[in-house]
Amino acid sequence: MIKGFRGRFILILFISVFSVLLVLPTFGEKTLKLTVVDGEIERAKKELASRFSDESYTYDYDGNTIYMKGYSLTHAVMNEVKMKFDYVSEADFVPHWAEKYLLASKVKLGLDLQGGMNLVIQADYKKMEEKIGRKLDEEDKKRITSQAIEKINSRINLFGVSESVVRPKGTDAIELQLPGVSDPQTVKNTIGNTGQVEYHIVDDEWSAKVGDYYKANKVDLPNDRFKLRDISKEIAEEIALPENLEIYYHYNRQEDGKLYPAYPVALHKTISMSGDDIKNATIGQDQFQKPAVSFTLTEKGAEKFARVTGENKGKRLAILIDEQVRSAPQINDRIVGGQAQITGDFTYEECEVLANIIEEGALPVELMFVEERTVGPSLGQDSINAGFKAIIIGLAGIMIFMLIYYKLSGFVANLCLILNMLFLMAIFSWIKATLTLPGIAGLILTVGMSVDANVIIYERIKEEIKRGKSPRVAVSNGFGRAFWTIFDANLTTLIAAFILSQVGTGPIKGFAVTLAFGIVCSMFASLYVSRFIFEFITAKTDIKKLSI
C-alpha cells in the first residue's frame, strides 16, 4: 500500500464491510419461530404448508416448535399466522446475529408495500364537553389525544399486530397503520371500545402461589389477551384458585416503548373503584421531596375510597386498564377527604405515566373513525415489484452510459453508485427505518443524483487534461474545483428535504428522509471514495493518460 493511503483505505473498507453486515437481516434468510399448542402439531404442519405452499418457505420441526424459513418472510406473514391459526400460541422472528451484536434490524415495509389497513381516529370532544360541563381548550385536547394514543397502543399490543404505527395527525386526530391486517372490523371493535379503568384489591398470598407456579413451570406469556386468558384458566385450575379471585398480568414497558406482560397476580373480582370515581391526577412530591402522584376523587369516589382503604390497610390496590395491571400501590392508612397520594421509589417519568393512566379512567372518551383505507397485499407486492424494477432499470441504464461515455472512469463511478446504495440501506437498517412507496421514489431519485457529482468531477478533470495537465494534477484540480459546486447543490437539496421532513407527514416525510440520507451517502461515495481510487491510481508517476 502506497504511503499515505493506508488509513483512508482501511476506513473505506471498514465502512463497506460494516454496511454489508448491517443489511444481512434485510436481505438474508429469515426464520419465524412458531410455538404450537399440545396435540396440534400435525394439523399445524398440514395447514401452514397448504396456506403458504406458493411461497419459497422451508420448515424445520422440533417438538411443538416449527421453524419457518424464507428470504421473503415479513411481519405481515407473522401477523396472519397469529390472527388466523388459533393453535399457534407464540410467533416471533428469531433474531439475526447482526441484530444482536451490531444493533442492525430488518428494514420494515410500510403499509403501502405489504398491505393492511390505515385508520384515522378522532376523539368525540362534544360528548366529552357535555360530560365534564365545560369547553375544552387546546391543552385539554392535546392531553386527551395523548391518552387515546396510550390506550390504542395497549390494545394493539394485546391484539398481537407487529410493526403497527400509532401517531398524532395534526392537533386533534390519530393515525393508525396496521400492516398485514385482513379483518378490519375486528380491529375497529377492539380499538373503538371506550373501556374502563378499574381498581381491585390484590391478594398477595395467592399472588405468591400463582407466581411460584408461573416460575416453576416456566410459563411463556404471549402478548395476546385471549391466549393469556387460557393460561390464566389453566393456572387457576392447577392451584385451585378460590372463586372470588381472578388472575391478571402486570405489564411493563420495554425498550421499544410497548407494553408486555411481566408476571401474573391474583386480584379480587370485586371492583373497589372505577375510573369515573376520580376527577383528576397530577404529579407532585411526597414528604421526602420525591416524585409522587396526587389525585382528587368525586364525592361518591371519596366515600368508596375511604371504605376500601379502611378495610384493606397493608394490602395493595391494583390499577387495571383493559385487563392490564399497570400499577399496584400499597394502602398505608385509611384515606378520607377525597384526596390521596401514591408514593414510592418513582422517577418523574414514571409518575407522569401513572398520572396519565389514572386520568385515562377519569376522562373516558369515545373514538370516532373518520377515515378508513385498506391496502391489499397483492397491490403492495405490485408496488414493490414495480419500484425495484424501476431501480434496477435505472441503475443498469446509468451504469451502461457511464461505461460507454467515461470508459474505465465510468467503472469507478459505477462502483461508487453500488456503494452508495449499500451505505443507504445500511443506514436504514441501523435506524430501524420503514420503507414506503415514496421512499422507493426517493431511492430512484438518489440513483440519478449519485452519478451527477461524478459527471461534474469528470468534466472538470477532462478540462484540466485538455489544458495539458498531468493525470495526477488533473485529478487533484478536478476534485478540488468541483467540490463546492457539488456541495452547494446538495446542500440546497438537503435544506428542502429537511423542511419536507418537518412539515410533511406520512409519505412526504418518508420521501424526504430517504432523499436526505441518499444525498449524504452520495457525497461520501463520490467525493471521498471516488477521489481515493483516482488518487491511488495516479500516484504512480509513469501514468500518462486517464481512461476518461
Protein backbone atom coordinates (compact mmCIF):
# COMPACT_ATOMS: atom_id res chain seq x y z
CA MET A 1 0.00 0.00 0.00
CA ILE A 2 1.34 3.43 -1.00
CA LYS A 3 2.28 5.55 1.96
CA GLY A 4 -0.48 7.97 2.97
CA PHE A 5 -3.30 5.86 1.52
CA ARG A 6 -3.42 3.10 4.12
CA GLY A 7 -5.61 4.98 6.62
CA ARG A 8 -8.18 6.03 4.01
CA PHE A 9 -8.31 2.52 2.56
CA ILE A 10 -8.90 0.97 5.99
CA LEU A 11 -11.71 3.49 6.70
CA ILE A 12 -13.47 2.80 3.37
CA LEU A 13 -13.03 -0.97 3.80
CA PHE A 14 -14.37 -0.86 7.37
CA ILE A 15 -17.46 1.18 6.40
CA SER A 16 -18.16 -1.09 3.42
CA VAL A 17 -17.84 -4.35 5.39
CA PHE A 18 -19.85 -2.94 8.29
CA SER A 19 -22.59 -1.87 5.85
CA VAL A 20 -22.74 -5.37 4.37
CA LEU A 21 -23.19 -6.82 7.86
CA LEU A 22 -25.95 -4.32 8.68
CA VAL A 23 -28.07 -5.28 5.67
CA LEU A 24 -27.86 -9.03 6.35
CA PRO A 25 -31.12 -9.09 8.42
CA THR A 26 -32.94 -7.44 5.49
CA PHE A 27 -31.64 -9.46 2.56
CA GLY A 28 -30.63 -12.69 4.31
CA GLU A 29 -32.85 -15.64 5.14
CA LYS A 30 -35.36 -15.01 7.94
CA THR A 31 -36.58 -17.57 10.48
CA LEU A 32 -40.03 -17.39 12.08
CA LYS A 33 -40.36 -19.44 15.27
CA LEU A 34 -43.88 -20.82 15.87
CA THR A 35 -44.88 -22.47 19.13
CA VAL A 36 -47.84 -24.83 18.69
CA VAL A 37 -50.20 -25.93 21.48
CA ASP A 38 -50.06 -29.56 22.57
CA GLY A 39 -51.71 -32.05 20.22
CA GLU A 40 -51.96 -29.71 17.24
CA ILE A 41 -48.54 -30.13 15.62
CA GLU A 42 -49.73 -32.37 12.76
CA ARG A 43 -52.61 -30.02 11.98
CA ALA A 44 -50.20 -27.10 12.06
CA LYS A 45 -47.79 -28.78 9.63
CA LYS A 46 -50.58 -29.51 7.17
CA GLU A 47 -52.40 -26.17 7.28
CA LEU A 48 -49.29 -23.97 7.28
CA ALA A 49 -47.79 -25.86 4.33
CA SER A 50 -51.11 -25.55 2.49
CA ARG A 51 -51.57 -21.84 3.18
CA PHE A 52 -48.01 -20.86 2.23
CA SER A 53 -47.43 -23.51 -0.43
CA ASP A 54 -46.81 -20.97 -3.19
CA GLU A 55 -44.04 -19.23 -1.29
CA SER A 56 -40.40 -20.26 -1.13
CA TYR A 57 -40.55 -21.33 2.51
CA THR A 58 -38.95 -24.33 4.21
CA TYR A 59 -39.87 -25.85 7.59
CA ASP A 60 -37.92 -27.43 10.42
CA TYR A 61 -39.60 -29.13 13.37
CA ASP A 62 -38.54 -29.55 17.00
CA GLY A 63 -41.28 -30.99 19.19
CA ASN A 64 -44.06 -28.40 19.35
CA THR A 65 -41.89 -25.77 17.67
CA ILE A 66 -41.95 -25.03 13.94
CA TYR A 67 -39.17 -23.00 12.31
CA MET A 68 -40.47 -21.36 9.15
CA LYS A 69 -37.63 -20.11 6.92
CA GLY A 70 -37.52 -17.94 3.81
CA TYR A 71 -35.99 -14.83 2.26
CA SER A 72 -39.41 -13.23 1.70
CA LEU A 73 -40.76 -13.66 5.24
CA THR A 74 -42.37 -10.45 6.55
CA HIS A 75 -44.18 -9.29 9.67
CA ALA A 76 -47.38 -9.41 7.60
CA VAL A 77 -46.94 -13.20 7.37
CA MET A 78 -46.33 -13.38 11.12
CA ASN A 79 -49.44 -11.28 11.82
CA GLU A 80 -51.52 -13.54 9.58
CA VAL A 81 -50.27 -16.63 11.41
CA LYS A 82 -51.05 -15.06 14.80
CA MET A 83 -54.56 -13.99 13.83
CA LYS A 84 -55.75 -16.92 11.70
CA PHE A 85 -54.16 -20.00 13.28
CA ASP A 86 -55.51 -20.42 16.80
CA TYR A 87 -53.22 -23.36 17.54
CA VAL A 88 -50.12 -21.11 17.36
CA SER A 89 -49.51 -19.80 20.89
CA GLU A 90 -46.35 -17.84 20.04
CA ALA A 91 -44.97 -16.42 16.80
CA ASP A 92 -41.83 -14.34 16.56
CA PHE A 93 -38.76 -13.90 14.40
CA VAL A 94 -35.51 -15.47 15.53
CA PRO A 95 -33.08 -12.53 15.78
CA HIS A 96 -30.26 -12.50 13.25
CA TRP A 97 -26.81 -12.39 14.84
CA ALA A 98 -26.28 -8.94 13.31
CA GLU A 99 -29.36 -7.73 15.19
CA LYS A 100 -27.94 -9.00 18.48
CA TYR A 101 -24.41 -7.69 18.20
CA LEU A 102 -24.49 -4.78 15.69
CA LEU A 103 -27.87 -3.20 16.55
CA ALA A 104 -28.97 -3.86 12.99
CA SER A 105 -32.58 -4.61 12.07
CA LYS A 106 -34.60 -5.73 9.10
CA VAL A 107 -35.78 -2.75 7.04
CA LYS A 108 -39.53 -2.69 7.57
CA LEU A 109 -42.03 -2.30 4.75
CA GLY A 110 -44.72 0.33 5.09
CA LEU A 111 -48.44 -0.22 4.84
CA ASP A 112 -48.49 0.65 1.13
CA LEU A 113 -45.98 -2.11 0.38
CA GLN A 114 -47.11 -5.07 2.50
CA GLY A 115 -50.84 -4.39 2.71
CA GLY A 116 -53.03 -3.79 5.75
CA MET A 117 -55.28 -1.02 6.96
CA ASN A 118 -54.95 2.68 7.68
CA LEU A 119 -57.32 4.38 10.13
CA VAL A 120 -57.70 7.99 11.18
CA ILE A 121 -59.37 8.28 14.58
CA GLN A 122 -60.68 11.36 16.37
CA ALA A 123 -61.86 11.88 19.93
CA ASP A 124 -65.53 12.86 20.30
CA TYR A 125 -64.89 16.18 22.03
CA LYS A 126 -68.56 17.22 22.04
CA LYS A 127 -69.56 14.27 24.23
CA MET A 128 -66.54 14.93 26.43
CA GLU A 129 -67.57 18.57 26.91
CA GLU A 130 -71.15 17.53 27.74
CA LYS A 131 -69.82 15.09 30.35
CA ILE A 132 -67.44 17.48 32.13
CA GLY A 133 -69.62 20.60 31.54
CA ARG A 134 -67.03 22.96 30.09
CA LYS A 135 -65.31 23.89 26.84
CA LEU A 136 -62.07 22.03 26.12
CA ASP A 137 -59.01 24.13 25.31
CA GLU A 138 -56.06 23.06 23.12
CA GLU A 139 -54.10 21.73 26.11
CA ASP A 140 -57.05 19.55 27.10
CA LYS A 141 -57.32 18.18 23.56
CA LYS A 142 -53.59 17.50 23.38
CA ARG A 143 -53.75 15.60 26.70
CA ILE A 144 -56.81 13.61 25.59
CA THR A 145 -55.13 12.72 22.29
CA SER A 146 -52.02 11.59 24.18
CA GLN A 147 -54.12 9.40 26.48
CA ALA A 148 -56.01 7.96 23.50
CA ILE A 149 -52.71 7.03 21.85
CA GLU A 150 -51.62 5.28 25.06
CA LYS A 151 -54.90 3.37 25.15
CA ILE A 152 -54.81 2.40 21.46
CA ASN A 153 -51.19 1.25 21.76
CA SER A 154 -52.03 -1.03 24.66
CA ARG A 155 -54.93 -2.57 22.75
CA ILE A 156 -52.92 -3.06 19.58
CA ASN A 157 -50.23 -4.78 21.67
CA LEU A 158 -52.84 -7.15 23.03
CA PHE A 159 -54.18 -7.72 19.54
CA GLY A 160 -50.79 -9.12 18.54
CA VAL A 161 -50.12 -6.95 15.47
CA SER A 162 -46.43 -6.29 14.82
CA GLU A 163 -44.96 -3.17 13.15
CA SER A 164 -48.07 -1.13 13.95
CA VAL A 165 -47.79 2.68 13.86
CA VAL A 166 -49.86 4.92 16.13
CA ARG A 167 -49.11 8.63 15.84
CA PRO A 168 -50.84 12.01 16.12
CA LYS A 169 -52.17 13.54 12.89
CA GLY A 170 -52.49 17.28 13.19
CA THR A 171 -53.70 18.59 16.56
CA ASP A 172 -56.82 16.53 17.14
CA ALA A 173 -56.57 13.23 15.25
CA ILE A 174 -54.65 9.95 15.44
CA GLU A 175 -53.36 7.92 12.50
CA LEU A 176 -53.15 4.17 12.92
CA GLN A 177 -51.39 1.82 10.49
CA LEU A 178 -51.74 -1.95 10.85
CA PRO A 179 -49.64 -3.86 8.30
CA GLY A 180 -50.86 -7.31 7.37
CA VAL A 181 -54.32 -6.97 8.99
CA SER A 182 -57.07 -8.62 6.95
CA ASP A 183 -60.04 -8.29 9.35
CA PRO A 184 -60.75 -4.53 9.71
CA GLN A 185 -63.98 -4.90 11.68
CA THR A 186 -62.39 -6.92 14.47
CA VAL A 187 -59.65 -4.33 14.80
CA LYS A 188 -62.18 -1.47 14.87
CA ASN A 189 -64.19 -3.22 17.56
CA THR A 190 -61.04 -3.80 19.59
CA ILE A 191 -59.87 -0.19 19.32
CA GLY A 192 -63.18 1.66 19.39
CA ASN A 193 -64.47 0.28 22.69
CA THR A 194 -64.07 3.05 25.29
CA GLY A 195 -63.02 0.65 28.06
CA GLN A 196 -62.75 1.34 31.77
CA VAL A 197 -60.12 1.76 34.43
CA GLU A 198 -60.84 -0.44 37.44
CA TYR A 199 -59.30 -0.73 40.90
CA HIS A 200 -59.07 -4.17 42.53
CA ILE A 201 -57.55 -5.38 45.80
CA VAL A 202 -54.52 -7.64 45.33
CA ASP A 203 -54.44 -10.94 47.24
CA ASP A 204 -50.72 -11.20 47.96
CA GLU A 205 -50.89 -14.72 49.40
CA TRP A 206 -52.48 -16.20 46.28
CA SER A 207 -50.39 -13.95 44.03
CA ALA A 208 -47.32 -15.63 45.53
CA LYS A 209 -48.77 -19.10 44.79
CA VAL A 210 -49.59 -18.04 41.22
CA GLY A 211 -46.08 -16.65 40.86
CA ASP A 212 -44.50 -19.85 42.17
CA TYR A 213 -46.42 -21.95 39.63
CA TYR A 214 -45.50 -19.49 36.85
CA LYS A 215 -41.78 -19.70 37.71
CA ALA A 216 -41.69 -23.45 38.36
CA ASN A 217 -43.34 -24.29 35.04
CA LYS A 218 -41.53 -21.56 33.07
CA VAL A 219 -44.78 -20.37 31.52
CA ASP A 220 -44.31 -18.17 28.42
CA LEU A 221 -46.54 -15.09 28.45
CA PRO A 222 -47.74 -14.20 24.94
CA ASN A 223 -48.72 -10.59 24.23
CA ASP A 224 -52.22 -11.69 23.30
CA ARG A 225 -55.20 -11.10 25.57
CA PHE A 226 -57.15 -14.19 24.50
CA LYS A 227 -54.20 -16.58 24.87
CA LEU A 228 -53.41 -15.08 28.28
CA ARG A 229 -56.96 -15.87 29.40
CA ASP A 230 -56.40 -19.53 28.52
CA ILE A 231 -53.15 -19.55 30.52
CA SER A 232 -54.91 -17.91 33.49
CA LYS A 233 -57.63 -20.56 33.38
CA GLU A 234 -55.03 -23.34 33.32
CA ILE A 235 -53.08 -21.89 36.27
CA ALA A 236 -56.29 -21.30 38.27
CA GLU A 237 -57.31 -24.96 37.83
CA GLU A 238 -53.86 -26.28 38.72
CA ILE A 239 -53.56 -24.35 42.00
CA ALA A 240 -57.30 -24.45 42.88
CA LEU A 241 -57.70 -20.65 42.91
CA PRO A 242 -60.71 -19.51 45.02
CA GLU A 243 -63.82 -18.42 43.07
CA ASN A 244 -63.63 -14.84 44.38
CA LEU A 245 -60.20 -14.30 42.81
CA GLU A 246 -59.05 -13.89 39.22
CA ILE A 247 -55.62 -13.92 37.58
CA TYR A 248 -54.42 -10.87 35.67
CA TYR A 249 -50.95 -9.79 34.49
CA HIS A 250 -48.75 -6.89 35.46
CA TYR A 251 -47.49 -5.08 32.34
CA ASN A 252 -44.14 -3.33 31.99
CA ARG A 253 -42.98 -1.02 29.23
CA GLN A 254 -39.99 -2.37 27.30
CA GLU A 255 -37.26 -0.59 25.33
CA ASP A 256 -39.41 -0.50 22.16
CA GLY A 257 -41.98 1.61 24.04
CA LYS A 258 -44.63 -1.12 24.04
CA LEU A 259 -46.25 -2.88 27.00
CA TYR A 260 -45.65 -6.58 27.62
CA PRO A 261 -46.98 -8.94 30.31
CA ALA A 262 -44.31 -9.38 33.01
CA TYR A 263 -45.84 -11.63 35.69
CA PRO A 264 -49.26 -12.82 36.96
CA VAL A 265 -51.09 -11.50 40.04
CA ALA A 266 -54.27 -12.63 41.80
CA LEU A 267 -56.94 -9.93 42.21
CA HIS A 268 -60.30 -9.89 43.96
CA LYS A 269 -63.10 -9.93 41.37
CA THR A 270 -64.98 -7.20 43.24
CA ILE A 271 -64.35 -3.76 41.71
CA SER A 272 -63.29 -1.48 44.57
CA MET A 273 -63.42 1.70 42.47
CA SER A 274 -63.80 2.65 38.81
CA GLY A 275 -62.08 5.31 36.73
CA ASP A 276 -65.19 7.52 36.95
CA ASP A 277 -64.60 7.90 40.71
CA ILE A 278 -61.50 10.07 40.12
CA LYS A 279 -61.66 13.69 38.96
CA ASN A 280 -58.02 14.31 38.09
CA ALA A 281 -54.44 13.29 38.81
CA THR A 282 -51.31 15.43 38.99
CA ILE A 283 -47.60 14.97 39.61
CA GLY A 284 -46.37 16.26 42.96
CA GLN A 285 -43.89 15.46 45.73
CA ASP A 286 -44.10 13.38 48.89
CA GLN A 287 -42.86 14.41 52.35
CA PHE A 288 -39.30 13.48 51.33
CA GLN A 289 -39.44 15.67 48.20
CA LYS A 290 -39.58 12.63 45.93
CA PRO A 291 -41.90 12.48 42.89
CA ALA A 292 -45.40 11.23 43.70
CA VAL A 293 -48.87 11.19 42.13
CA SER A 294 -51.70 13.12 43.77
CA PHE A 295 -55.34 12.62 42.77
CA THR A 296 -58.75 14.05 43.65
CA LEU A 297 -61.87 11.90 43.89
CA THR A 298 -65.52 12.62 43.21
CA GLU A 299 -67.93 12.77 46.15
CA LYS A 300 -69.07 9.19 45.60
CA GLY A 301 -65.48 8.12 44.87
CA ALA A 302 -64.29 9.64 48.16
CA GLU A 303 -66.80 7.53 50.08
CA LYS A 304 -65.71 4.36 48.27
CA PHE A 305 -62.02 5.15 48.76
CA ALA A 306 -62.41 5.78 52.48
CA ARG A 307 -64.17 2.44 52.91
CA VAL A 308 -61.71 0.48 50.71
CA THR A 309 -58.60 1.94 52.34
CA GLY A 310 -60.03 1.46 55.82
CA GLU A 311 -60.83 -2.19 55.26
CA ASN A 312 -57.60 -3.08 53.44
CA LYS A 313 -54.69 -1.47 55.28
CA GLY A 314 -51.37 -3.01 54.28
CA LYS A 315 -52.79 -4.50 51.09
CA ARG A 316 -52.20 -3.34 47.54
CA LEU A 317 -54.71 -1.67 45.23
CA ALA A 318 -54.19 -2.66 41.58
CA ILE A 319 -54.93 -0.19 38.78
CA LEU A 320 -56.38 -2.25 35.93
CA ILE A 321 -56.71 -0.85 32.39
CA ASP A 322 -58.12 -3.03 29.61
CA GLU A 323 -57.26 -6.15 31.63
CA GLN A 324 -53.69 -4.92 32.21
CA VAL A 325 -52.35 -4.32 35.73
CA ARG A 326 -50.36 -1.12 35.31
CA SER A 327 -49.60 -0.31 38.97
CA ALA A 328 -50.38 -1.74 42.42
CA PRO A 329 -49.53 0.79 45.19
CA GLN A 330 -49.81 -0.26 48.85
CA ILE A 331 -52.53 1.14 51.12
CA ASN A 332 -50.85 2.52 54.25
CA ASP A 333 -53.77 4.27 56.01
CA ARG A 334 -57.48 4.95 55.72
CA ILE A 335 -57.83 7.95 53.43
CA VAL A 336 -60.70 10.41 53.79
CA GLY A 337 -61.36 13.86 52.36
CA GLY A 338 -61.39 12.98 48.67
CA GLN A 339 -57.66 13.48 48.09
CA ALA A 340 -54.85 10.95 48.11
CA GLN A 341 -51.28 10.40 47.06
CA ILE A 342 -49.42 7.44 45.59
CA THR A 343 -45.82 7.38 46.85
CA GLY A 344 -42.90 5.11 46.23
CA ASP A 345 -39.48 4.98 44.60
CA PHE A 346 -40.74 6.63 41.40
CA THR A 347 -38.92 8.71 38.79
CA TYR A 348 -40.64 11.80 37.42
CA GLU A 349 -41.26 9.99 34.12
CA GLU A 350 -42.88 7.05 35.94
CA CYS A 351 -45.13 9.45 37.85
CA GLU A 352 -46.09 11.15 34.60
CA VAL A 353 -47.11 7.81 33.09
CA LEU A 354 -49.02 6.81 36.24
CA ALA A 355 -50.88 10.15 36.34
CA ASN A 356 -51.88 9.67 32.70
CA ILE A 357 -53.05 6.13 33.47
CA ILE A 358 -55.25 7.34 36.34
CA GLU A 359 -56.62 10.27 34.32
CA GLU A 360 -57.41 7.95 31.45
CA GLY A 361 -60.10 6.45 33.64
CA ALA A 362 -61.28 9.88 34.80
CA LEU A 363 -61.62 11.13 31.21
CA PRO A 364 -63.12 8.28 29.16
CA VAL A 365 -63.56 9.47 25.58
CA GLU A 366 -65.32 7.89 22.66
CA LEU A 367 -63.28 7.47 19.50
CA MET A 368 -64.70 8.16 16.03
CA PHE A 369 -63.35 6.56 12.86
CA VAL A 370 -63.19 9.44 10.39
CA GLU A 371 -61.15 7.70 7.67
CA GLU A 372 -60.51 4.10 6.72
CA ARG A 373 -58.34 2.73 3.93
CA THR A 374 -57.43 -0.89 3.25
CA VAL A 375 -54.47 -1.88 1.07
CA GLY A 376 -54.39 -5.41 -0.30
CA PRO A 377 -51.12 -7.36 -0.02
CA SER A 378 -51.13 -8.04 -3.79
CA LEU A 379 -51.27 -4.31 -4.52
CA GLY A 380 -48.39 -3.80 -2.10
CA GLN A 381 -46.37 -6.54 -3.78
CA ASP A 382 -47.06 -4.96 -7.17
CA SER A 383 -45.71 -1.67 -5.80
CA ILE A 384 -42.56 -3.40 -4.53
CA ASN A 385 -42.00 -5.18 -7.84
CA ALA A 386 -42.58 -2.01 -9.88
CA GLY A 387 -40.38 0.08 -7.60
CA PHE A 388 -37.43 -2.29 -7.58
CA LYS A 389 -37.83 -2.89 -11.32
CA ALA A 390 -37.52 0.88 -11.80
CA ILE A 391 -34.42 0.94 -9.58
CA ILE A 392 -32.78 -1.94 -11.50
CA ILE A 393 -33.58 -0.43 -14.91
CA GLY A 394 -32.38 2.98 -13.75
CA LEU A 395 -29.18 1.54 -12.33
CA ALA A 396 -28.48 -0.52 -15.45
CA GLY A 397 -29.13 2.39 -17.79
CA ILE A 398 -26.89 4.78 -15.86
CA MET A 399 -24.10 2.23 -15.44
CA ILE A 400 -24.08 1.36 -19.15
CA PHE A 401 -23.99 5.05 -20.09
CA MET A 402 -21.14 5.77 -17.66
CA LEU A 403 -19.08 2.85 -19.00
CA ILE A 404 -19.58 3.89 -22.63
CA TYR A 405 -19.03 7.60 -22.12
CA TYR A 406 -16.33 7.65 -19.42
CA LYS A 407 -14.69 4.24 -20.05
CA LEU A 408 -12.71 2.94 -17.04
CA SER A 409 -13.53 6.07 -15.07
CA GLY A 410 -17.17 5.13 -15.61
CA PHE A 411 -16.40 1.82 -13.88
CA VAL A 412 -15.22 3.78 -10.81
CA ALA A 413 -18.45 5.81 -10.88
CA ASN A 414 -20.50 2.61 -11.07
CA LEU A 415 -18.61 1.14 -8.12
CA CYS A 416 -19.37 4.29 -6.10
CA LEU A 417 -23.02 4.05 -7.17
CA ILE A 418 -23.27 0.50 -5.79
CA LEU A 419 -21.52 1.54 -2.58
CA ASN A 420 -23.92 4.47 -2.29
CA MET A 421 -26.94 2.12 -2.36
CA LEU A 422 -25.21 -0.21 0.13
CA PHE A 423 -24.49 2.65 2.57
CA LEU A 424 -28.07 3.91 2.26
CA MET A 425 -29.64 0.51 3.03
CA ALA A 426 -27.20 0.06 5.94
CA ILE A 427 -28.36 3.37 7.45
CA PHE A 428 -31.99 2.30 7.03
CA SER A 429 -31.18 -0.93 8.86
CA TRP A 430 -29.35 0.84 11.68
CA ILE A 431 -32.05 3.46 12.35
CA LYS A 432 -34.83 0.86 12.05
CA ALA A 433 -36.44 2.77 9.17
CA THR A 434 -39.69 1.83 7.43
CA LEU A 435 -39.54 1.77 3.64
CA THR A 436 -42.65 3.11 1.89
CA LEU A 437 -43.60 3.63 -1.75
CA PRO A 438 -42.47 7.29 -1.64
CA GLY A 439 -39.26 6.01 -0.05
CA ILE A 440 -38.67 3.87 -3.14
CA ALA A 441 -39.23 7.01 -5.21
CA GLY A 442 -36.53 8.67 -3.10
CA LEU A 443 -34.21 5.73 -3.79
CA ILE A 444 -34.78 6.04 -7.54
CA LEU A 445 -34.06 9.78 -7.40
CA THR A 446 -30.92 9.06 -5.37
CA VAL A 447 -29.67 6.73 -8.13
CA GLY A 448 -29.78 9.60 -10.61
CA MET A 449 -28.34 12.19 -8.25
CA SER A 450 -25.49 9.94 -7.10
CA VAL A 451 -23.81 9.99 -10.54
CA ASP A 452 -24.44 13.70 -11.00
CA ALA A 453 -21.44 14.50 -8.79
CA ASN A 454 -19.23 12.10 -10.76
CA VAL A 455 -20.24 13.74 -14.04
CA ILE A 456 -19.30 17.19 -12.70
CA ILE A 457 -15.95 15.88 -11.39
CA TYR A 458 -15.10 14.01 -14.60
CA GLU A 459 -15.86 17.01 -16.81
CA ARG A 460 -13.57 19.14 -14.63
CA ILE A 461 -10.82 16.53 -14.93
CA LYS A 462 -11.24 16.44 -18.72
CA GLU A 463 -10.90 20.23 -18.84
CA GLU A 464 -7.65 20.01 -16.88
CA ILE A 465 -6.31 17.30 -19.18
CA LYS A 466 -7.12 19.45 -22.25
CA ARG A 467 -5.02 22.22 -20.70
CA GLY A 468 -2.04 19.87 -20.72
CA LYS A 469 -2.02 18.94 -17.03
CA SER A 470 -0.71 15.54 -15.94
CA PRO A 471 -3.27 12.92 -14.81
CA ARG A 472 -2.28 13.39 -11.17
CA VAL A 473 -2.65 17.21 -11.28
CA ALA A 474 -5.82 16.95 -13.36
CA VAL A 475 -7.42 14.65 -10.77
CA SER A 476 -6.40 16.90 -7.86
CA ASN A 477 -7.66 20.08 -9.58
CA GLY A 478 -10.81 18.38 -10.90
CA PHE A 479 -11.95 17.20 -7.47
CA GLY A 480 -10.88 20.45 -5.82
CA ARG A 481 -12.76 22.72 -8.22
CA ALA A 482 -15.85 20.51 -8.36
CA PHE A 483 -16.18 20.23 -4.59
CA TRP A 484 -18.00 23.49 -3.86
CA THR A 485 -20.29 23.15 -6.86
CA ILE A 486 -21.35 19.69 -5.66
CA PHE A 487 -21.53 20.78 -2.02
CA ASP A 488 -23.73 23.83 -2.74
CA ALA A 489 -26.10 21.87 -4.99
CA ASN A 490 -26.53 19.08 -2.45
CA LEU A 491 -26.84 21.50 0.47
CA THR A 492 -29.84 23.23 -1.11
CA THR A 493 -31.47 19.85 -1.73
CA LEU A 494 -30.74 18.85 1.88
CA ILE A 495 -32.43 22.02 3.12
CA ALA A 496 -35.50 21.25 1.03
CA ALA A 497 -35.52 17.64 2.33
CA PHE A 498 -35.22 18.90 5.93
CA ILE A 499 -38.20 21.24 5.51
CA LEU A 500 -40.27 18.46 3.94
CA SER A 501 -39.40 16.12 6.83
CA GLN A 502 -40.51 18.73 9.40
CA VAL A 503 -43.76 19.96 7.87
CA GLY A 504 -44.71 16.84 5.93
CA THR A 505 -46.41 13.75 7.30
CA GLY A 506 -46.50 10.10 6.30
CA PRO A 507 -45.45 9.57 2.65
CA ILE A 508 -43.92 13.05 2.22
CA LYS A 509 -41.78 12.58 5.33
CA GLY A 510 -40.64 9.14 4.13
CA PHE A 511 -39.60 10.57 0.78
CA ALA A 512 -37.71 13.44 2.44
CA VAL A 513 -35.81 11.19 4.87
CA THR A 514 -34.78 8.80 2.08
CA LEU A 515 -33.64 11.69 -0.10
CA ALA A 516 -31.63 13.30 2.72
CA PHE A 517 -29.75 10.11 3.62
CA GLY A 518 -29.24 9.39 -0.08
CA ILE A 519 -27.57 12.76 -0.60
CA VAL A 520 -25.21 12.22 2.34
CA CYS A 521 -24.23 8.74 1.12
CA SER A 522 -23.81 10.05 -2.43
CA MET A 523 -21.45 12.83 -1.36
CA PHE A 524 -19.32 10.41 0.66
CA ALA A 525 -19.11 7.94 -2.23
CA SER A 526 -18.35 10.49 -4.96
CA LEU A 527 -16.15 12.96 -3.08
CA TYR A 528 -14.26 10.59 -0.76
CA VAL A 529 -14.29 7.05 -2.13
CA SER A 530 -14.01 8.09 -5.77
CA ARG A 531 -11.22 10.57 -5.03
CA PHE A 532 -9.28 7.92 -3.10
CA ILE A 533 -9.44 5.50 -6.06
CA PHE A 534 -8.30 8.12 -8.58
CA GLU A 535 -5.52 9.45 -6.38
CA PHE A 536 -4.31 5.92 -5.69
CA ILE A 537 -4.22 5.13 -9.43
CA THR A 538 -2.45 8.36 -10.38
CA ALA A 539 0.05 8.18 -7.52
CA LYS A 540 2.37 6.32 -9.90
CA THR A 541 4.29 8.94 -11.89
CA ASP A 542 4.53 6.80 -15.06
CA ILE A 543 0.78 7.04 -15.82
CA LYS A 544 0.46 9.29 -18.87
CA LYS A 545 -3.24 9.02 -19.69
CA LEU A 546 -6.55 8.53 -17.87
CA SER A 547 -9.31 6.42 -19.41
CA ILE A 548 -11.94 9.15 -19.13
